[in-house]
Amino acid sequence: MMIRMVAWLMVGGLAILWLPLGAAASNCQMETPASGPGAALTRHLGADCTEQEREAQAMDATELLQAFREGKGINLSGVVIRGDLSLDTLPVGPLPPELEGMKELQGPEVRVIPGPMSIVNSVVHGVIRHGSTQGLLVVKGPVTFSGTKFEQLVDLSRALFMEPVTLSGARFLRESYFVQGRFLRDVFADNTAFGPHTRFHRSVFQGAVTFQQSGFNGLAEFLEVVFEKDVNLSRTSFKLGTGFSGSRFQGLADFSDASFDREAYFTFTLFEGDAYFRRTTFRSTADFSDASFKGRDDFSKVLFEKGSLFTRATRSATGQAPLVLENQTVQYAITLSILVFCALLIVYLIRSR
């Protein structure tokens, strides 16, 4: 009898010890609201889910494509996505009525994502690509990639975004291409990490843009880009070659406290609004040849470690801020002059006694 009681106590004790572990394992909650006609494909995994649990409940990219084909958007959070998302396989349709007045959009084949495209705090293992060289991808709802890690190529070239685009806190481990993109609303890309090659070549931003405190870890191409509103690139780092040549800033262009580790090209760039380069660091060649500054330009306390080129650059005759160009040689010369002056002053005071 005593042996049985001890055995039952041991079993009960083990059950109590294992209970918290079992409870913890069940904390991974998945939210998949019932979707009606036109409702977005929704899947949210809670913060308590482990990486293994997220992988076990991974979504396939074909599920996202099917939602788009059915006229739905996607609303995903905390998920893992496997497989390639080939957006050029979506059916061709008419241009949305809201865009019919834009003559430059007439003609090419059009594919439409009618709802939101939200992938937040997630991991995307495969490629996201709109590979059509002539077609146009229209995303009617907001695009939100904040906090998401993209492990492979993201190519959303020749895409038109009708609502705000948010990339804040996203990590692009490979190339990210937005060639000839058109952004009708604001773009938020603060604290975003871009990979070995980023391209916004010939894109048009009709709303305000922020890349504040972001990092471009590879080549960054903003060639022939039009920024119609203010652009915030302050405290942004550019690790490899960077090009803004031929671009047009119609509002404020703020590069304050930014850093360029390799060559930076602003040739034939038009700054119609104010251009701020306060405390910006250029560790290699900075080429502003043939640039035009229509508003105020502020280069105070800028550091050119290997020289700068302002050949044929023009500045507005009115409203100019002081153009102060600094480099290490100038700083050393000023410091040396101060030291020599102090030494001569001390010698003079000693002799005059």
Protein backbone atom coordinates (compact mmCIF):
# COMPACT_ATOMS: atom_id res chain seq x y z
CA MET A 1 0.00 0.00 0.00
CA MET A 2 2.75 2.40 0.94
CA ILE A 3 4.58 1.64 -2.32
CA ARG A 4 1.45 2.50 -4.33
CA MET A 5 1.03 5.83 -2.51
CA VAL A 6 4.66 6.77 -3.18
CA ALA A 7 4.24 5.85 -6.86
CA TRP A 8 1.12 8.00 -7.18
CA LEU A 9 2.87 10.92 -5.48
CA MET A 10 5.77 10.64 -7.90
CA VAL A 11 3.42 10.59 -10.90
CA GLY A 12 1.52 13.59 -9.56
CA GLY A 13 4.74 15.51 -8.92
CA LEU A 14 5.99 14.87 -12.44
CA ALA A 15 2.66 16.02 -13.84
CA ILE A 16 2.92 19.26 -11.90
CA LEU A 17 6.48 19.81 -13.11
CA TRP A 18 5.53 19.23 -16.75
CA LEU A 19 2.39 21.40 -16.63
CA PRO A 20 4.12 24.78 -17.15
CA LEU A 21 6.07 23.40 -20.07
CA GLY A 22 2.92 22.19 -21.74
CA ALA A 23 1.19 25.48 -21.04
CA ALA A 24 4.13 27.41 -22.50
CA ALA A 25 4.07 25.27 -25.63
CA SER A 26 0.41 26.19 -26.19
CA ASN A 27 1.04 29.95 -26.03
CA CYS A 28 1.57 30.14 -29.80
CA GLN A 29 -1.73 31.56 -30.96
CA MET A 30 -2.71 31.86 -34.60
CA GLU A 31 -5.38 34.30 -35.69
CA THR A 32 -7.14 33.49 -38.95
CA PRO A 33 -10.45 35.37 -39.04
CA ALA A 34 -13.17 34.00 -41.27
CA SER A 35 -12.88 35.68 -44.64
CA GLY A 36 -15.85 36.66 -46.72
CA PRO A 37 -15.93 37.77 -50.36
CA GLY A 38 -13.20 40.33 -50.97
CA ALA A 39 -11.77 40.11 -47.45
CA ALA A 40 -8.00 40.01 -47.14
CA LEU A 41 -6.21 36.73 -46.51
CA THR A 42 -5.32 37.14 -42.83
CA ARG A 43 -2.94 35.17 -40.68
CA HIS A 44 -1.32 36.48 -37.50
CA LEU A 45 1.03 34.49 -35.29
CA GLY A 46 1.49 35.82 -31.78
CA ALA A 47 4.73 37.06 -30.28
CA ASP A 48 4.99 33.95 -28.07
CA CYS A 49 5.51 31.64 -31.06
CA THR A 50 8.98 30.16 -31.38
CA GLU A 51 10.91 30.08 -34.64
CA GLN A 52 10.25 26.34 -34.91
CA GLU A 53 6.51 26.86 -34.44
CA ARG A 54 6.45 29.56 -37.13
CA GLU A 55 8.31 27.28 -39.55
CA ALA A 56 5.90 24.45 -38.77
CA GLN A 57 2.97 26.69 -39.74
CA ALA A 58 4.68 28.29 -42.73
CA MET A 59 2.61 29.59 -45.62
CA ASP A 60 3.31 28.82 -49.25
CA ALA A 61 3.61 31.69 -51.73
CA THR A 62 0.92 30.04 -53.86
CA GLU A 63 -1.61 30.88 -51.11
CA LEU A 64 -0.81 34.56 -51.55
CA LEU A 65 -1.08 34.35 -55.33
CA GLN A 66 -4.44 32.62 -55.04
CA ALA A 67 -5.71 35.40 -52.78
CA PHE A 68 -4.62 38.01 -55.35
CA ARG A 69 -6.31 36.06 -58.15
CA GLU A 70 -9.54 36.05 -56.12
CA GLY A 71 -9.42 39.83 -55.82
CA LYS A 72 -8.22 39.87 -52.22
CA GLY A 73 -5.35 41.48 -50.40
CA ILE A 74 -3.14 39.93 -47.74
CA ASN A 75 -2.72 40.81 -44.05
CA LEU A 76 0.09 38.71 -42.55
CA SER A 77 2.00 39.14 -39.30
CA GLY A 78 4.65 36.99 -37.64
CA VAL A 79 4.51 34.33 -40.36
CA VAL A 80 7.04 32.46 -42.49
CA ILE A 81 6.52 32.40 -46.26
CA ARG A 82 8.08 29.72 -48.44
CA GLY A 83 8.39 29.57 -52.21
CA ASP A 84 8.63 32.29 -54.86
CA LEU A 85 5.93 34.92 -55.30
CA SER A 86 5.81 35.52 -59.06
CA LEU A 87 3.45 38.46 -59.49
CA ASP A 88 3.79 38.49 -63.28
CA THR A 89 1.70 35.28 -63.35
CA LEU A 90 -1.39 37.21 -62.21
CA PRO A 91 -4.08 37.66 -64.87
CA VAL A 92 -3.99 40.75 -67.08
CA GLY A 93 -6.88 43.16 -66.57
CA PRO A 94 -7.97 46.74 -67.28
CA LEU A 95 -6.37 49.81 -65.75
CA PRO A 96 -8.28 50.86 -62.59
CA PRO A 97 -10.70 53.73 -63.28
CA GLU A 98 -8.84 55.98 -60.81
CA LEU A 99 -5.78 55.91 -63.10
CA GLU A 100 -7.43 56.33 -66.49
CA GLY A 101 -6.54 60.02 -66.59
CA MET A 102 -2.79 59.26 -66.49
CA LYS A 103 -1.91 59.07 -70.17
CA GLU A 104 1.59 57.74 -69.54
CA LEU A 105 0.05 54.55 -68.09
CA GLN A 106 -1.99 53.74 -71.19
CA GLY A 107 -0.95 50.79 -73.32
CA PRO A 108 0.99 48.25 -71.24
CA GLU A 109 -0.59 45.12 -69.86
CA VAL A 110 -1.87 45.68 -66.33
CA ARG A 111 -2.01 43.37 -63.34
CA VAL A 112 -3.84 44.52 -60.23
CA ILE A 113 -3.63 43.65 -56.53
CA PRO A 114 -6.93 45.16 -55.36
CA GLY A 115 -6.35 45.15 -51.59
CA PRO A 116 -3.57 45.69 -49.08
CA MET A 117 -0.21 43.93 -49.30
CA SER A 118 0.84 43.69 -45.67
CA ILE A 119 3.63 41.36 -44.49
CA VAL A 120 4.73 42.52 -41.03
CA ASN A 121 7.38 41.12 -38.67
CA SER A 122 7.70 38.03 -40.84
CA VAL A 123 10.33 36.04 -42.74
CA VAL A 124 10.16 35.58 -46.51
CA HIS A 125 12.38 32.72 -47.70
CA GLY A 126 11.68 33.00 -51.42
CA VAL A 127 11.83 35.58 -54.20
CA ILE A 128 9.22 38.29 -54.72
CA ARG A 129 9.27 39.35 -58.36
CA HIS A 130 7.28 41.31 -60.89
CA GLY A 131 9.31 40.24 -63.91
CA SER A 132 7.25 41.74 -66.72
CA THR A 133 9.45 44.08 -68.77
CA GLN A 134 6.51 45.90 -70.37
CA GLY A 135 3.65 45.37 -67.95
CA LEU A 136 2.46 47.44 -65.02
CA LEU A 137 1.66 46.10 -61.54
CA VAL A 138 -0.90 48.21 -59.67
CA VAL A 139 -1.27 47.80 -55.91
CA LYS A 140 -4.44 49.58 -54.84
CA GLY A 141 -4.11 49.08 -51.07
CA PRO A 142 -1.34 50.10 -48.67
CA VAL A 143 1.93 48.16 -48.79
CA THR A 144 3.48 47.40 -45.39
CA PHE A 145 6.68 45.38 -44.99
CA SER A 146 7.79 46.80 -41.63
CA GLY A 147 9.94 44.51 -39.50
CA THR A 148 10.08 41.76 -42.14
CA LYS A 149 13.23 39.94 -43.28
CA PHE A 150 13.52 39.22 -47.01
CA GLU A 151 16.13 36.53 -47.61
CA GLN A 152 16.03 36.62 -51.42
CA LEU A 153 15.52 39.10 -54.24
CA VAL A 154 12.64 41.58 -54.04
CA ASP A 155 11.88 43.02 -57.48
CA LEU A 156 8.85 45.29 -57.59
CA SER A 157 9.97 47.17 -60.68
CA ARG A 158 7.35 48.84 -62.88
CA ALA A 159 4.88 48.87 -60.00
CA LEU A 160 2.45 51.65 -59.14
CA PHE A 161 1.50 52.05 -55.49
CA MET A 162 -1.73 53.97 -54.95
CA GLU A 163 -1.52 54.08 -51.14
CA PRO A 164 1.37 54.63 -48.68
CA VAL A 165 4.32 52.26 -48.74
CA THR A 166 5.95 51.38 -45.40
CA LEU A 167 9.30 49.57 -45.26
CA SER A 168 10.33 50.79 -41.81
CA GLY A 169 12.53 48.31 -39.96
CA ALA A 170 12.57 45.82 -42.84
CA ARG A 171 15.75 43.92 -43.77
CA PHE A 172 16.56 43.17 -47.39
CA LEU A 173 19.37 40.62 -47.34
CA ARG A 174 19.63 40.45 -51.13
CA GLU A 175 18.86 42.84 -53.99
CA SER A 176 15.82 45.11 -53.86
CA TYR A 177 14.66 46.70 -57.11
CA PHE A 178 11.98 49.36 -57.53
CA VAL A 179 12.96 50.44 -61.05
CA GLN A 180 10.49 52.83 -62.73
CA GLY A 181 8.24 52.62 -59.71
CA ARG A 182 5.53 55.18 -59.11
CA PHE A 183 4.56 56.06 -55.56
CA LEU A 184 1.40 58.17 -55.37
CA ARG A 185 1.47 58.56 -51.58
CA ASP A 186 4.09 58.81 -48.83
CA VAL A 187 6.94 56.34 -48.47
CA PHE A 188 8.25 55.41 -45.01
CA ALA A 189 11.59 53.57 -44.99
CA ASP A 190 13.25 54.72 -41.78
CA ASN A 191 15.61 52.32 -39.97
CA THR A 192 15.55 50.00 -42.98
CA ALA A 193 18.51 47.80 -43.96
CA PHE A 194 19.07 47.41 -47.70
CA GLY A 195 21.30 44.68 -49.16
CA PRO A 196 24.03 44.46 -51.80
CA HIS A 197 22.17 46.38 -54.52
CA THR A 198 19.22 48.77 -54.30
CA ARG A 199 17.68 50.42 -57.36
CA PHE A 200 15.05 53.14 -57.62
CA HIS A 201 16.15 54.10 -61.15
CA ARG A 202 13.67 56.46 -62.87
CA SER A 203 11.10 56.16 -60.10
CA VAL A 204 8.65 58.94 -59.26
CA PHE A 205 7.72 59.78 -55.67
CA GLN A 206 4.62 61.98 -55.53
CA GLY A 207 4.41 62.00 -51.72
CA ALA A 208 6.89 62.72 -48.96
CA VAL A 209 9.75 60.22 -48.56
CA THR A 210 11.85 59.26 -45.55
CA PHE A 211 14.91 57.01 -45.43
CA GLN A 212 16.04 58.45 -42.10
CA GLN A 213 18.63 56.32 -40.23
CA SER A 214 18.52 53.62 -42.89
CA GLY A 215 21.53 51.73 -44.20
CA PHE A 216 22.36 51.00 -47.83
CA ASN A 217 24.94 48.23 -47.49
CA GLY A 218 25.63 47.93 -51.21
CA LEU A 219 25.22 49.94 -54.39
CA ALA A 220 22.43 52.50 -54.15
CA GLU A 221 20.96 53.81 -57.42
CA PHE A 222 18.62 56.80 -57.35
CA LEU A 223 19.40 57.83 -60.92
CA GLU A 224 16.93 60.11 -62.75
CA VAL A 225 14.48 59.92 -59.86
CA VAL A 226 11.80 62.59 -59.30
CA PHE A 227 10.98 63.56 -55.72
CA GLU A 228 7.94 65.84 -55.82
CA LYS A 229 7.76 66.44 -52.05
CA ASP A 230 10.23 66.58 -49.14
CA VAL A 231 12.87 63.86 -48.82
CA ASN A 232 14.47 62.94 -45.48
CA LEU A 233 17.79 61.08 -45.85
CA SER A 234 19.30 62.38 -42.63
CA ARG A 235 21.59 60.05 -40.65
CA THR A 236 21.48 57.54 -43.49
CA SER A 237 24.59 55.51 -44.32
CA PHE A 238 25.73 54.55 -47.82
CA LYS A 239 28.43 51.85 -47.77
CA LEU A 240 29.19 51.49 -51.50
CA GLY A 241 28.83 53.66 -54.58
CA THR A 242 25.80 55.93 -54.56
CA GLY A 243 24.21 57.78 -57.44
CA PHE A 244 21.62 60.56 -57.49
CA SER A 245 22.75 61.84 -60.89
CA GLY A 246 20.03 63.35 -63.05
CA SER A 247 17.53 63.32 -60.19
CA ARG A 248 15.18 66.11 -59.29
CA PHE A 249 14.31 67.24 -55.78
CA GLN A 250 11.29 69.52 -55.94
CA GLY A 251 10.93 69.87 -52.17
CA LEU A 252 13.40 69.82 -49.29
CA ALA A 253 16.35 67.43 -49.69
CA ASP A 254 17.75 66.67 -46.24
CA PHE A 255 21.05 64.75 -46.15
CA SER A 256 22.09 66.07 -42.74
CA ASP A 257 24.48 63.80 -40.80
CA ALA A 258 24.47 61.22 -43.61
CA SER A 259 27.65 59.27 -44.43
CA PHE A 260 28.99 58.12 -47.80
CA ASP A 261 31.82 55.57 -47.51
CA ARG A 262 32.44 55.34 -51.26
CA GLU A 263 31.86 57.52 -54.31
CA ALA A 264 28.77 59.73 -54.32
CA TYR A 265 27.48 61.23 -57.56
CA PHE A 266 25.10 64.19 -57.75
CA THR A 267 25.96 65.22 -61.32
CA PHE A 268 23.23 67.13 -63.17
CA THR A 269 21.04 66.89 -60.07
CA LEU A 270 18.43 69.61 -59.69
CA PHE A 271 17.61 70.86 -56.20
CA GLU A 272 14.53 73.04 -56.62
CA GLY A 273 13.94 73.32 -52.87
CA ASP A 274 16.41 73.68 -50.01
CA ALA A 275 19.30 71.21 -49.85
CA TYR A 276 20.78 70.40 -46.44
CA PHE A 277 24.13 68.61 -46.21
CA ARG A 278 25.02 69.77 -42.70
CA ARG A 279 27.64 67.55 -41.01
CA THR A 280 27.52 65.06 -43.88
CA THR A 281 30.63 62.88 -44.28
CA PHE A 282 32.03 61.99 -47.70
CA ARG A 283 34.89 59.49 -47.29
CA SER A 284 35.52 59.23 -51.03
CA THR A 285 34.86 61.37 -54.10
CA ALA A 286 31.80 63.61 -53.95
CA ASP A 287 30.84 64.83 -57.41
CA PHE A 288 28.33 67.69 -57.69
CA SER A 289 29.38 68.68 -61.20
CA ASP A 290 26.65 70.49 -63.16
CA ALA A 291 24.29 70.32 -60.18
CA SER A 292 21.82 73.18 -59.78
CA PHE A 293 20.75 74.60 -56.42
CA LYS A 294 17.63 76.75 -56.81
CA GLY A 295 16.88 77.08 -53.09
CA ARG A 296 19.16 77.46 -50.08
CA ASP A 297 22.07 75.05 -49.85
CA ASP A 298 23.72 74.30 -46.52
CA PHE A 299 27.08 72.52 -46.55
CA SER A 300 28.15 73.73 -43.10
CA LYS A 301 30.54 71.40 -41.26
CA VAL A 302 30.53 68.90 -44.10
CA LEU A 303 33.59 66.65 -44.27
CA PHE A 304 35.17 65.86 -47.65
CA GLU A 305 37.98 63.40 -46.90
CA LYS A 306 39.09 62.99 -50.54
CA GLY A 307 37.96 66.18 -52.16
CA SER A 308 34.84 67.37 -53.90
CA LEU A 309 33.84 68.47 -57.38
CA PHE A 310 31.47 71.38 -57.96
CA THR A 311 32.42 71.99 -61.60
CA ARG A 312 29.80 74.19 -63.31
CA ALA A 313 27.47 73.77 -60.31
CA THR A 314 25.12 76.75 -59.94
CA ARG A 315 23.56 78.31 -56.89
CA SER A 316 20.57 80.59 -56.47
CA ALA A 317 21.46 84.27 -56.17
CA THR A 318 18.98 84.77 -53.32
CA GLY A 319 18.43 83.05 -50.02
CA GLN A 320 21.79 81.28 -49.95
CA ALA A 321 23.04 79.81 -46.71
CA PRO A 322 26.80 80.00 -46.08
CA LEU A 323 28.64 77.34 -48.07
CA VAL A 324 31.27 76.01 -45.66
CA LEU A 325 33.28 73.11 -47.02
CA GLU A 326 35.54 71.39 -44.53
CA ASN A 327 38.08 68.61 -44.78
CA GLN A 328 40.80 67.23 -42.58
CA THR A 329 43.56 69.31 -44.22
CA VAL A 330 41.70 72.55 -43.52
CA GLN A 331 40.97 71.47 -39.95
CA TYR A 332 44.64 70.60 -39.35
CA ALA A 333 45.78 73.91 -40.86
CA ILE A 334 43.44 75.89 -38.63
CA THR A 335 44.53 73.94 -35.53
CA LEU A 336 48.21 74.42 -36.41
CA SER A 337 47.70 78.15 -36.93
CA ILE A 338 46.06 78.48 -33.53
CA LEU A 339 48.90 76.57 -31.86
CA VAL A 340 51.57 78.71 -33.57
CA PHE A 341 49.75 81.87 -32.55
CA CYS A 342 49.52 80.70 -28.94
CA ALA A 343 53.24 79.81 -28.91
CA LEU A 344 54.24 83.23 -30.28
CA LEU A 345 52.00 84.92 -27.74
CA ILE A 346 53.66 83.02 -24.88
CA VAL A 347 57.17 83.93 -26.16
CA TYR A 348 56.15 87.58 -26.44
CA LEU A 349 54.78 87.63 -22.88
CA ILE A 350 57.94 86.02 -21.49
CA ARG A 351 60.26 88.47 -23.25
CA SER A 352 58.19 91.51 -22.27
CA ARG A 353 58.69 90.84 -18.54
